[in-house]
Amino acid sequence: MTSPTADFAIQKVIVAAHSLLAKSTMATKDGVAVADMFRSRPVQSAMVSVVPLLLAVAQLANGFFNDMPLLVSISFAAVMVPFAVLLTQYQYAQFRRQYVERGF
């Protein structure tokens, strides 16, 4: 079982990641959405968006099942979630720039 403070920290990480991802999924004025990027580049998008989140979840599970200190697992997850968000935003900016340069 996890402690109440660990549960609270995990919830805070999830809420922060959700709010950051919600901001980055909106379409821009030129009509390019993050979903367009995922359809156009599925492997690259999954590598920068989904894999770091899966690593964070795997590390949390590893720490829980192997009796590691939860501080280590939670710290890793707390770093990987914003890392995934920033990588996704960077890739989206590149995709949007290329889309605009192609002339829609």
Protein backbone atom coordinates (compact mmCIF):
# COMPACT_ATOMS: atom_id res chain seq x y z
CA MET A 1 0.00 0.00 0.00
CA THR A 2 1.06 3.52 -0.65
CA SER A 3 1.01 6.23 1.94
CA PRO A 4 -1.53 9.08 1.77
CA THR A 5 1.22 11.56 0.92
CA ALA A 6 2.42 9.37 -1.96
CA ASP A 7 -1.15 9.10 -3.27
CA PHE A 8 -1.50 12.87 -3.04
CA ALA A 9 1.78 13.39 -4.92
CA ILE A 10 0.72 10.98 -7.66
CA GLN A 11 -2.61 12.78 -8.01
CA LYS A 12 -0.82 16.14 -8.28
CA VAL A 13 1.43 14.79 -11.05
CA ILE A 14 -1.57 13.42 -12.95
CA VAL A 15 -3.50 16.69 -12.64
CA ALA A 16 -0.48 18.73 -13.77
CA ALA A 17 0.12 16.46 -16.76
CA HIS A 18 -3.55 16.58 -17.72
CA SER A 19 -3.66 20.37 -17.60
CA LEU A 20 -0.47 20.69 -19.67
CA LEU A 21 -1.69 18.18 -22.24
CA ALA A 22 -5.08 19.88 -22.46
CA LYS A 23 -3.38 23.13 -23.42
CA SER A 24 -1.30 21.47 -26.13
CA THR A 25 -4.13 19.54 -27.83
CA MET A 26 -6.08 22.53 -29.09
CA ALA A 27 -6.01 23.44 -32.76
CA THR A 28 -4.28 26.64 -33.78
CA LYS A 29 -5.66 29.42 -35.97
CA ASP A 30 -4.31 27.74 -39.09
CA GLY A 31 -6.29 24.57 -38.35
CA VAL A 32 -3.42 22.24 -37.43
CA ALA A 33 -4.21 20.02 -34.45
CA VAL A 34 -2.09 17.60 -32.46
CA ALA A 35 -4.24 14.79 -33.84
CA ASP A 36 -3.03 15.74 -37.34
CA MET A 37 0.52 15.30 -36.14
CA PHE A 38 -0.27 11.85 -34.71
CA ARG A 39 -1.93 10.81 -37.98
CA SER A 40 0.94 12.12 -40.08
CA ARG A 41 3.80 10.79 -37.92
CA PRO A 42 2.42 8.00 -35.70
CA VAL A 43 5.71 6.33 -34.74
CA GLN A 44 7.62 9.51 -33.99
CA SER A 45 4.66 10.98 -32.10
CA ALA A 46 4.28 7.85 -30.00
CA MET A 47 8.01 7.80 -29.23
CA VAL A 48 8.05 11.33 -27.84
CA SER A 49 4.58 11.44 -26.28
CA VAL A 50 3.58 7.99 -25.09
CA VAL A 51 6.85 6.17 -24.33
CA PRO A 52 8.02 8.58 -21.57
CA LEU A 53 4.61 8.28 -19.91
CA LEU A 54 4.78 4.49 -20.10
CA LEU A 55 8.26 4.60 -18.58
CA ALA A 56 6.92 6.71 -15.72
CA VAL A 57 4.09 4.25 -15.06
CA ALA A 58 6.47 1.29 -15.29
CA GLN A 59 8.86 2.90 -12.82
CA LEU A 60 6.01 3.58 -10.39
CA ALA A 61 4.88 -0.05 -10.66
CA ASN A 62 8.48 -1.29 -10.32
CA GLY A 63 8.99 0.77 -7.20
CA PHE A 64 5.73 -0.39 -5.70
CA PHE A 65 6.21 -4.10 -6.36
CA ASN A 66 9.92 -4.22 -5.45
CA ASP A 67 9.60 -2.18 -2.25
CA MET A 68 11.75 0.68 -3.48
CA PRO A 69 11.43 4.03 -1.78
CA LEU A 70 8.42 5.75 -3.35
CA LEU A 71 10.30 9.05 -3.44
CA VAL A 72 12.56 7.69 -6.19
CA SER A 73 9.67 6.41 -8.32
CA ILE A 74 7.53 9.48 -7.83
CA SER A 75 10.47 11.77 -8.61
CA PHE A 76 11.15 9.89 -11.83
CA ALA A 77 7.48 10.10 -12.84
CA ALA A 78 7.35 13.77 -11.90
CA VAL A 79 10.23 14.44 -14.30
CA MET A 80 9.07 12.20 -17.14
CA VAL A 81 5.55 13.64 -17.42
CA PRO A 82 6.65 17.25 -18.09
CA PHE A 83 9.45 15.88 -20.29
CA ALA A 84 6.86 14.11 -22.46
CA VAL A 85 4.71 17.23 -22.59
CA LEU A 86 7.64 19.44 -23.62
CA LEU A 87 8.79 16.98 -26.28
CA THR A 88 5.26 16.79 -27.67
CA GLN A 89 4.98 20.57 -27.77
CA TYR A 90 8.34 20.83 -29.53
CA GLN A 91 7.41 18.21 -32.10
CA TYR A 92 4.03 19.90 -32.62
CA ALA A 93 5.76 23.24 -33.24
CA GLN A 94 8.02 21.61 -35.83
CA PHE A 95 5.05 19.89 -37.48
CA ARG A 96 3.02 23.11 -37.53
CA ARG A 97 5.93 25.08 -39.02
CA GLN A 98 6.39 22.50 -41.78
CA TYR A 99 2.64 22.48 -42.42
CA VAL A 100 2.55 26.26 -42.78
CA GLU A 101 5.65 26.29 -44.99
CA ARG A 102 4.08 23.74 -47.34
CA GLY A 103 1.22 26.16 -47.88
CA PHE A 104 -1.52 24.12 -46.23
